[in-house]
Amino acid sequence: LSPDDLPLDEMRERARSLAEGERATPRSPVAARSAPSLDASLRERIEAALVAHAGNQTEAARALGISRRTLIHRLEELGIARPRKGR
């Protein structure tokens, strides 16, 4: 692997678009196709962790190896309702 193998122009262009506030889109057809399956896999893992820990977000996050805040962000991102205490 050498510096010539790296897509530096593409990386600079993406960094520039992110700095300008544009949403970056996957350039690779493989990346575009795998995003929904990654979301489905992540959704399944999160839902399973929440069920396994009776809706306890702190424990579910710990089991997933992420922070509670990251778990909450993922729940919002995936449109999963947050479990509430006493319901």
PDB file of N, CA and C in Angstrom:
ATOM      1  N   LEU A   1       0.851  -1.174   0.000  1.00  0.00           N
ATOM      2  CA  LEU A   1       0.000   0.000   0.000  1.00  0.00           C
ATOM      3  C   LEU A   1       0.896   1.237   0.000  1.00  0.00           C
ATOM      4  N   SER A   2       0.615   2.133  -0.923  1.00  0.00           N
ATOM      5  CA  SER A   2       1.409   3.354  -0.989  1.00  0.00           C
ATOM      6  C   SER A   2       0.458   4.555  -1.028  1.00  0.00           C
ATOM      7  N   PRO A   3       0.973   5.761  -0.836  1.00  0.00           N
ATOM      8  CA  PRO A   3       0.115   6.947  -0.905  1.00  0.00           C
ATOM      9  C   PRO A   3      -0.628   7.073  -2.233  1.00  0.00           C
ATOM     10  N   ASP A   4      -0.057   6.536  -3.296  1.00  0.00           N
ATOM     11  CA  ASP A   4      -0.719   6.590  -4.595  1.00  0.00           C
ATOM     12  C   ASP A   4      -1.997   5.749  -4.626  1.00  0.00           C
ATOM     13  N   ASP A   5      -2.110   4.792  -3.712  1.00  0.00           N
ATOM     14  CA  ASP A   5      -3.285   3.927  -3.653  1.00  0.00           C
ATOM     15  C   ASP A   5      -4.461   4.597  -2.936  1.00  0.00           C
ATOM     16  N   LEU A   6      -4.220   5.673  -2.220  1.00  0.00           N
ATOM     17  CA  LEU A   6      -5.266   6.341  -1.455  1.00  0.00           C
ATOM     18  C   LEU A   6      -6.045   7.330  -2.323  1.00  0.00           C
ATOM     19  N   PRO A   7      -7.365   7.404  -2.145  1.00  0.00           N
ATOM     20  CA  PRO A   7      -8.197   8.325  -2.924  1.00  0.00           C
ATOM     21  C   PRO A   7      -8.189   9.730  -2.313  1.00  0.00           C
ATOM     22  N   LEU A   8      -7.015  10.370  -2.321  1.00  0.00           N
ATOM     23  CA  LEU A   8      -6.865  11.653  -1.641  1.00  0.00           C
ATOM     24  C   LEU A   8      -7.765  12.738  -2.228  1.00  0.00           C
ATOM     25  N   ASP A   9      -7.905  12.796  -3.548  1.00  0.00           N
ATOM     26  CA  ASP A   9      -8.760  13.821  -4.149  1.00  0.00           C
ATOM     27  C   ASP A   9     -10.199  13.640  -3.695  1.00  0.00           C
ATOM     28  N   GLU A  10     -10.666  12.403  -3.690  1.00  0.00           N
ATOM     29  CA  GLU A  10     -12.031  12.125  -3.248  1.00  0.00           C
ATOM     30  C   GLU A  10     -12.211  12.469  -1.771  1.00  0.00           C
ATOM     31  N   MET A  11     -11.207  12.162  -0.961  1.00  0.00           N
ATOM     32  CA  MET A  11     -11.277  12.474   0.465  1.00  0.00           C
ATOM     33  C   MET A  11     -11.313  13.983   0.691  1.00  0.00           C
ATOM     34  N   ARG A  12     -10.503  14.728  -0.058  1.00  0.00           N
ATOM     35  CA  ARG A  12     -10.511  16.189   0.061  1.00  0.00           C
ATOM     36  C   ARG A  12     -11.868  16.757  -0.350  1.00  0.00           C
ATOM     37  N   GLU A  13     -12.426  16.224  -1.449  1.00  0.00           N
ATOM     38  CA  GLU A  13     -13.724  16.695  -1.931  1.00  0.00           C
ATOM     39  C   GLU A  13     -14.816  16.421  -0.886  1.00  0.00           C
ATOM     40  N   ARG A  14     -14.773  15.242  -0.294  1.00  0.00           N
ATOM     41  CA  ARG A  14     -15.767  14.903   0.726  1.00  0.00           C
ATOM     42  C   ARG A  14     -15.606  15.793   1.954  1.00  0.00           C
ATOM     43  N   ALA A  15     -14.378  16.030   2.377  1.00  0.00           N
ATOM     44  CA  ALA A  15     -14.126  16.900   3.523  1.00  0.00           C
ATOM     45  C   ALA A  15     -14.618  18.316   3.242  1.00  0.00           C
ATOM     46  N   ARG A  16     -14.384  18.783   2.016  1.00  0.00           N
ATOM     47  CA  ARG A  16     -14.836  20.119   1.634  1.00  0.00           C
ATOM     48  C   ARG A  16     -16.364  20.198   1.674  1.00  0.00           C
ATOM     49  N   SER A  17     -17.036  19.180   1.144  1.00  0.00           N
ATOM     50  CA  SER A  17     -18.500  19.203   1.128  1.00  0.00           C
ATOM     51  C   SER A  17     -19.063  19.119   2.540  1.00  0.00           C
ATOM     52  N   LEU A  18     -18.405  18.349   3.411  1.00  0.00           N
ATOM     53  CA  LEU A  18     -18.857  18.287   4.801  1.00  0.00           C
ATOM     54  C   LEU A  18     -18.662  19.631   5.491  1.00  0.00           C
ATOM     55  N   ALA A  19     -17.553  20.288   5.214  1.00  0.00           N
ATOM     56  CA  ALA A  19     -17.292  21.598   5.810  1.00  0.00           C
ATOM     57  C   ALA A  19     -18.315  22.624   5.341  1.00  0.00           C
ATOM     58  N   GLU A  20     -18.803  22.456   4.123  1.00  0.00           N
ATOM     59  CA  GLU A  20     -19.799  23.375   3.585  1.00  0.00           C
ATOM     60  C   GLU A  20     -21.218  22.997   4.003  1.00  0.00           C
ATOM     61  N   GLY A  21     -21.333  21.920   4.778  1.00  0.00           N
ATOM     62  CA  GLY A  21     -22.636  21.527   5.290  1.00  0.00           C
ATOM     63  C   GLY A  21     -23.439  20.626   4.383  1.00  0.00           C
ATOM     64  N   GLU A  22     -22.837  20.146   3.319  1.00  0.00           N
ATOM     65  CA  GLU A  22     -23.555  19.236   2.434  1.00  0.00           C
ATOM     66  C   GLU A  22     -23.524  17.842   3.030  1.00  0.00           C
ATOM     67  N   ARG A  23     -24.572  17.103   2.782  1.00  0.00           N
ATOM     68  CA  ARG A  23     -24.601  15.723   3.247  1.00  0.00           C
ATOM     69  C   ARG A  23     -23.777  14.862   2.292  1.00  0.00           C
ATOM     70  N   ALA A  24     -22.869  14.096   2.864  1.00  0.00           N
ATOM     71  CA  ALA A  24     -22.043  13.212   2.049  1.00  0.00           C
ATOM     72  C   ALA A  24     -22.855  11.989   1.642  1.00  0.00           C
ATOM     73  N   THR A  25     -22.687  11.562   0.423  1.00  0.00           N
ATOM     74  CA  THR A  25     -23.376  10.372  -0.056  1.00  0.00           C
ATOM     75  C   THR A  25     -22.344   9.305  -0.359  1.00  0.00           C
ATOM     76  N   PRO A  26     -22.704   8.057  -0.148  1.00  0.00           N
ATOM     77  CA  PRO A  26     -21.744   7.000  -0.443  1.00  0.00           C
ATOM     78  C   PRO A  26     -21.380   7.001  -1.921  1.00  0.00           C
ATOM     79  N   ARG A  27     -20.105   6.875  -2.230  1.00  0.00           N
ATOM     80  CA  ARG A  27     -19.649   6.880  -3.614  1.00  0.00           C
ATOM     81  C   ARG A  27     -19.672   5.483  -4.211  1.00  0.00           C
ATOM     82  N   SER A  28     -19.538   4.499  -3.377  1.00  0.00           N
ATOM     83  CA  SER A  28     -19.450   3.130  -3.851  1.00  0.00           C
ATOM     84  C   SER A  28     -20.826   2.496  -3.929  1.00  0.00           C
ATOM     85  N   PRO A  29     -21.153   1.815  -5.018  1.00  0.00           N
ATOM     86  CA  PRO A  29     -22.436   1.107  -5.087  1.00  0.00           C
ATOM     87  C   PRO A  29     -22.557   0.057  -3.997  1.00  0.00           C
ATOM     88  N   VAL A  30     -21.441  -0.534  -3.602  1.00  0.00           N
ATOM     89  CA  VAL A  30     -21.471  -1.526  -2.530  1.00  0.00           C
ATOM     90  C   VAL A  30     -21.867  -0.853  -1.222  1.00  0.00           C
ATOM     91  N   ALA A  31     -21.293   0.311  -0.939  1.00  0.00           N
ATOM     92  CA  ALA A  31     -21.633   1.035   0.282  1.00  0.00           C
ATOM     93  C   ALA A  31     -23.095   1.441   0.268  1.00  0.00           C
ATOM     94  N   ALA A  32     -23.591   1.871  -0.856  1.00  0.00           N
ATOM     95  CA  ALA A  32     -24.990   2.278  -0.957  1.00  0.00           C
ATOM     96  C   ALA A  32     -25.926   1.097  -0.729  1.00  0.00           C
ATOM     97  N   ARG A  33     -25.571  -0.072  -1.247  1.00  0.00           N
ATOM     98  CA  ARG A  33     -26.420  -1.252  -1.077  1.00  0.00           C
ATOM     99  C   ARG A  33     -26.357  -1.798   0.330  1.00  0.00           C
ATOM    100  N   SER A  34     -25.216  -1.698   0.997  1.00  0.00           N
ATOM    101  CA  SER A  34     -25.065  -2.315   2.306  1.00  0.00           C
ATOM    102  C   SER A  34     -25.634  -1.467   3.434  1.00  0.00           C
ATOM    103  N   ALA A  35     -25.869  -0.182   3.218  1.00  0.00           N
ATOM    104  CA  ALA A  35     -26.377   0.680   4.284  1.00  0.00           C
ATOM    105  C   ALA A  35     -27.698   0.179   4.872  1.00  0.00           C
ATOM    106  N   PRO A  36     -28.708  -0.176   4.055  1.00  0.00           N
ATOM    107  CA  PRO A  36     -29.947  -0.682   4.642  1.00  0.00           C
ATOM    108  C   PRO A  36     -29.748  -1.974   5.432  1.00  0.00           C
ATOM    109  N   SER A  37     -28.898  -2.861   4.961  1.00  0.00           N
ATOM    110  CA  SER A  37     -28.684  -4.107   5.698  1.00  0.00           C
ATOM    111  C   SER A  37     -27.931  -3.839   6.996  1.00  0.00           C
ATOM    112  N   LEU A  38     -27.037  -2.851   6.997  1.00  0.00           N
ATOM    113  CA  LEU A  38     -26.355  -2.477   8.236  1.00  0.00           C
ATOM    114  C   LEU A  38     -27.356  -1.904   9.225  1.00  0.00           C
ATOM    115  N   ASP A  39     -28.277  -1.055   8.741  1.00  0.00           N
ATOM    116  CA  ASP A  39     -29.315  -0.501   9.604  1.00  0.00           C
ATOM    117  C   ASP A  39     -30.180  -1.609  10.189  1.00  0.00           C
ATOM    118  N   ALA A  40     -30.554  -2.591   9.364  1.00  0.00           N
ATOM    119  CA  ALA A  40     -31.386  -3.696   9.833  1.00  0.00           C
ATOM    120  C   ALA A  40     -30.643  -4.512  10.887  1.00  0.00           C
ATOM    121  N   SER A  41     -29.370  -4.770  10.639  1.00  0.00           N
ATOM    122  CA  SER A  41     -28.564  -5.525  11.595  1.00  0.00           C
ATOM    123  C   SER A  41     -28.415  -4.755  12.908  1.00  0.00           C
ATOM    124  N   LEU A  42     -28.144  -3.470  12.807  1.00  0.00           N
ATOM    125  CA  LEU A  42     -28.001  -2.636  13.997  1.00  0.00           C
ATOM    126  C   LEU A  42     -29.315  -2.577  14.759  1.00  0.00           C
ATOM    127  N   ARG A  43     -30.421  -2.419  14.034  1.00  0.00           N
ATOM    128  CA  ARG A  43     -31.748  -2.386  14.660  1.00  0.00           C
ATOM    129  C   ARG A  43     -32.001  -3.677  15.438  1.00  0.00           C
ATOM    130  N   GLU A  44     -31.702  -4.810  14.832  1.00  0.00           N
ATOM    131  CA  GLU A  44     -31.913  -6.106  15.488  1.00  0.00           C
ATOM    132  C   GLU A  44     -31.074  -6.228  16.752  1.00  0.00           C
ATOM    133  N   ARG A  45     -29.820  -5.817  16.668  1.00  0.00           N
ATOM    134  CA  ARG A  45     -28.935  -5.914  17.839  1.00  0.00           C
ATOM    135  C   ARG A  45     -29.418  -5.015  18.972  1.00  0.00           C
ATOM    136  N   ILE A  46     -29.823  -3.792  18.629  1.00  0.00           N
ATOM    137  CA  ILE A  46     -30.302  -2.858  19.652  1.00  0.00           C
ATOM    138  C   ILE A  46     -31.585  -3.375  20.285  1.00  0.00           C
ATOM    139  N   GLU A  47     -32.528  -3.798  19.459  1.00  0.00           N
ATOM    140  CA  GLU A  47     -33.792  -4.305  19.993  1.00  0.00           C
ATOM    141  C   GLU A  47     -33.573  -5.527  20.875  1.00  0.00           C
ATOM    142  N   ALA A  48     -32.678  -6.428  20.462  1.00  0.00           N
ATOM    143  CA  ALA A  48     -32.379  -7.622  21.258  1.00  0.00           C
ATOM    144  C   ALA A  48     -31.753  -7.237  22.602  1.00  0.00           C
ATOM    145  N   ALA A  49     -30.854  -6.274  22.586  1.00  0.00           N
ATOM    146  CA  ALA A  49     -30.217  -5.834  23.833  1.00  0.00           C
ATOM    147  C   ALA A  49     -31.239  -5.199  24.765  1.00  0.00           C
ATOM    148  N   LEU A  50     -32.156  -4.405  24.219  1.00  0.00           N
ATOM    149  CA  LEU A  50     -33.185  -3.785  25.053  1.00  0.00           C
ATOM    150  C   LEU A  50     -34.107  -4.833  25.661  1.00  0.00           C
ATOM    151  N   VAL A  51     -34.480  -5.835  24.867  1.00  0.00           N
ATOM    152  CA  VAL A  51     -35.330  -6.910  25.381  1.00  0.00           C
ATOM    153  C   VAL A  51     -34.580  -7.686  26.462  1.00  0.00           C
ATOM    154  N   ALA A  52     -33.329  -8.033  26.199  1.00  0.00           N
ATOM    155  CA  ALA A  52     -32.529  -8.810  27.147  1.00  0.00           C
ATOM    156  C   ALA A  52     -32.348  -8.078  28.474  1.00  0.00           C
ATOM    157  N   HIS A  53     -32.401  -6.750  28.433  1.00  0.00           N
ATOM    158  CA  HIS A  53     -32.178  -5.964  29.649  1.00  0.00           C
ATOM    159  C   HIS A  53     -33.442  -5.244  30.096  1.00  0.00           C
ATOM    160  N   ALA A  54     -34.586  -5.793  29.695  1.00  0.00           N
ATOM    161  CA  ALA A  54     -35.904  -5.302  30.120  1.00  0.00           C
ATOM    162  C   ALA A  54     -36.071  -3.800  29.909  1.00  0.00           C
ATOM    163  N   GLY A  55     -35.546  -3.303  28.799  1.00  0.00           N
ATOM    164  CA  GLY A  55     -35.709  -1.892  28.468  1.00  0.00           C
ATOM    165  C   GLY A  55     -34.733  -0.954  29.155  1.00  0.00           C
ATOM    166  N   ASN A  56     -33.839  -1.492  29.973  1.00  0.00           N
ATOM    167  CA  ASN A  56     -32.859  -0.652  30.662  1.00  0.00           C
ATOM    168  C   ASN A  56     -31.817  -0.195  29.654  1.00  0.00           C
ATOM    169  N   GLN A  57     -31.855   1.084  29.314  1.00  0.00           N
ATOM    170  CA  GLN A  57     -30.992   1.624  28.274  1.00  0.00           C
ATOM    171  C   GLN A  57     -29.525   1.612  28.670  1.00  0.00           C
ATOM    172  N   THR A  58     -29.233   1.852  29.923  1.00  0.00           N
ATOM    173  CA  THR A  58     -27.845   1.853  30.388  1.00  0.00           C
ATOM    174  C   THR A  58     -27.243   0.460  30.249  1.00  0.00           C
ATOM    175  N   GLU A  59     -27.986  -0.555  30.690  1.00  0.00           N
ATOM    176  CA  GLU A  59     -27.500  -1.929  30.606  1.00  0.00           C
ATOM    177  C   GLU A  59     -27.417  -2.406  29.158  1.00  0.00           C
ATOM    178  N   ALA A  60     -28.397  -2.035  28.340  1.00  0.00           N
ATOM    179  CA  ALA A  60     -28.377  -2.419  26.918  1.00  0.00           C
ATOM    180  C   ALA A  60     -27.168  -1.795  26.229  1.00  0.00           C
ATOM    181  N   ALA A  61     -26.907  -0.530  26.516  1.00  0.00           N
ATOM    182  CA  ALA A  61     -25.755   0.145  25.914  1.00  0.00           C
ATOM    183  C   ALA A  61     -24.459  -0.533  26.339  1.00  0.00           C
ATOM    184  N   ARG A  62     -24.363  -0.869  27.620  1.00  0.00           N
ATOM    185  CA  ARG A  62     -23.159  -1.541  28.129  1.00  0.00           C
ATOM    186  C   ARG A  62     -22.965  -2.879  27.398  1.00  0.00           C
ATOM    187  N   ALA A  63     -24.054  -3.631  27.213  1.00  0.00           N
ATOM    188  CA  ALA A  63     -23.964  -4.925  26.519  1.00  0.00           C
ATOM    189  C   ALA A  63     -23.535  -4.749  25.064  1.00  0.00           C
ATOM    190  N   LEU A  64     -23.937  -3.642  24.447  1.00  0.00           N
ATOM    191  CA  LEU A  64     -23.569  -3.360  23.064  1.00  0.00           C
ATOM    192  C   LEU A  64     -22.166  -2.764  22.940  1.00  0.00           C
ATOM    193  N   GLY A  65     -21.592  -2.366  24.077  1.00  0.00           N
ATOM    194  CA  GLY A  65     -20.255  -1.779  24.059  1.00  0.00           C
ATOM    195  C   GLY A  65     -20.241  -0.330  23.613  1.00  0.00           C
ATOM    196  N   ILE A  66     -21.370   0.381  23.853  1.00  0.00           N
ATOM    197  CA  ILE A  66     -21.474   1.797  23.488  1.00  0.00           C
ATOM    198  C   ILE A  66     -21.975   2.583  24.694  1.00  0.00           C
ATOM    199  N   SER A  67     -21.881   3.892  24.611  1.00  0.00           N
ATOM    200  CA  SER A  67     -22.383   4.720  25.704  1.00  0.00           C
ATOM    201  C   SER A  67     -23.912   4.813  25.625  1.00  0.00           C
ATOM    202  N   ARG A  68     -24.530   5.162  26.731  1.00  0.00           N
ATOM    203  CA  ARG A  68     -25.982   5.329  26.747  1.00  0.00           C
ATOM    204  C   ARG A  68     -26.391   6.426  25.770  1.00  0.00           C
ATOM    205  N   ARG A  69     -25.630   7.486  25.724  1.00  0.00           N
ATOM    206  CA  ARG A  69     -25.938   8.591  24.800  1.00  0.00           C
ATOM    207  C   ARG A  69     -25.877   8.123  23.340  1.00  0.00           C
ATOM    208  N   THR A  70     -24.896   7.301  23.016  1.00  0.00           N
ATOM    209  CA  THR A  70     -24.806   6.754  21.660  1.00  0.00           C
ATOM    210  C   THR A  70     -26.008   5.869  21.369  1.00  0.00           C
ATOM    211  N   LEU A  71     -26.416   5.068  22.351  1.00  0.00           N
ATOM    212  CA  LEU A  71     -27.596   4.225  22.176  1.00  0.00           C
ATOM    213  C   LEU A  71     -28.822   5.087  21.891  1.00  0.00           C
ATOM    214  N   ILE A  72     -29.000   6.138  22.662  1.00  0.00           N
ATOM    215  CA  ILE A  72     -30.148   7.026  22.461  1.00  0.00           C
ATOM    216  C   ILE A  72     -30.094   7.649  21.067  1.00  0.00           C
ATOM    217  N   HIS A  73     -28.922   8.073  20.645  1.00  0.00           N
ATOM    218  CA  HIS A  73     -28.759   8.642  19.302  1.00  0.00           C
ATOM    219  C   HIS A  73     -29.144   7.617  18.241  1.00  0.00           C
ATOM    220  N   ARG A  74     -28.705   6.370  18.403  1.00  0.00           N
ATOM    221  CA  ARG A  74     -29.035   5.314  17.434  1.00  0.00           C
ATOM    222  C   ARG A  74     -30.532   5.030  17.425  1.00  0.00           C
ATOM    223  N   LEU A  75     -31.162   5.039  18.598  1.00  0.00           N
ATOM    224  CA  LEU A  75     -32.608   4.824  18.669  1.00  0.00           C
ATOM    225  C   LEU A  75     -33.337   5.896  17.854  1.00  0.00           C
ATOM    226  N   GLU A  76     -32.921   7.140  18.041  1.00  0.00           N
ATOM    227  CA  GLU A  76     -33.537   8.251  17.301  1.00  0.00           C
ATOM    228  C   GLU A  76     -33.272   8.111  15.809  1.00  0.00           C
ATOM    229  N   GLU A  77     -32.051   7.775  15.456  1.00  0.00           N
ATOM    230  CA  GLU A  77     -31.637   7.644  14.069  1.00  0.00           C
ATOM    231  C   GLU A  77     -32.426   6.543  13.342  1.00  0.00           C
ATOM    232  N   LEU A  78     -32.689   5.448  14.051  1.00  0.00           N
ATOM    233  CA  LEU A  78     -33.375   4.307  13.459  1.00  0.00           C
ATOM    234  C   LEU A  78     -34.890   4.354  13.660  1.00  0.00           C
ATOM    235  N   GLY A  79     -35.377   5.368  14.382  1.00  0.00           N
ATOM    236  CA  GLY A  79     -36.818   5.499  14.606  1.00  0.00           C
ATOM    237  C   GLY A  79     -37.371   4.475  15.575  1.00  0.00           C
ATOM    238  N   ILE A  80     -36.551   4.046  16.515  1.00  0.00           N
ATOM    239  CA  ILE A  80     -36.990   3.090  17.535  1.00  0.00           C
ATOM    240  C   ILE A  80     -37.424   3.889  18.762  1.00  0.00           C
ATOM    241  N   ALA A  81     -38.632   3.596  19.261  1.00  0.00           N
ATOM    242  CA  ALA A  81     -39.132   4.295  20.444  1.00  0.00           C
ATOM    243  C   ALA A  81     -38.287   3.929  21.657  1.00  0.00           C
ATOM    244  N   ARG A  82     -37.959   4.931  22.448  1.00  0.00           N
ATOM    245  CA  ARG A  82     -37.184   4.692  23.664  1.00  0.00           C
ATOM    246  C   ARG A  82     -38.077   4.076  24.727  1.00  0.00           C
ATOM    247  N   PRO A  83     -37.592   3.004  25.362  1.00  0.00           N
ATOM    248  CA  PRO A  83     -38.368   2.428  26.466  1.00  0.00           C
ATOM    249  C   PRO A  83     -38.436   3.419  27.618  1.00  0.00           C
ATOM    250  N   ARG A  84     -39.560   3.456  28.262  1.00  0.00           N
ATOM    251  CA  ARG A  84     -39.749   4.348  29.413  1.00  0.00           C
ATOM    252  C   ARG A  84     -39.959   3.540  30.669  1.00  0.00           C
ATOM    253  N   LYS A  85     -39.519   4.069  31.787  1.00  0.00           N
ATOM    254  CA  LYS A  85     -39.711   3.398  33.064  1.00  0.00           C
ATOM    255  C   LYS A  85     -41.196   3.404  33.441  1.00  0.00           C
ATOM    256  N   GLY A  86     -41.626   2.295  34.017  1.00  0.00           N
ATOM    257  CA  GLY A  86     -42.989   2.227  34.533  1.00  0.00           C
ATOM    258  C   GLY A  86     -44.060   2.012  33.477  1.00  0.00           C
ATOM    259  N   ARG A  87     -43.681   1.624  32.287  1.00  0.00           N
ATOM    260  CA  ARG A  87     -44.692   1.391  31.250  1.00  0.00           C
ATOM    261  C   ARG A  87     -44.768  -0.060  30.920  1.00  0.00           C
TER     262      ARG A  87
END
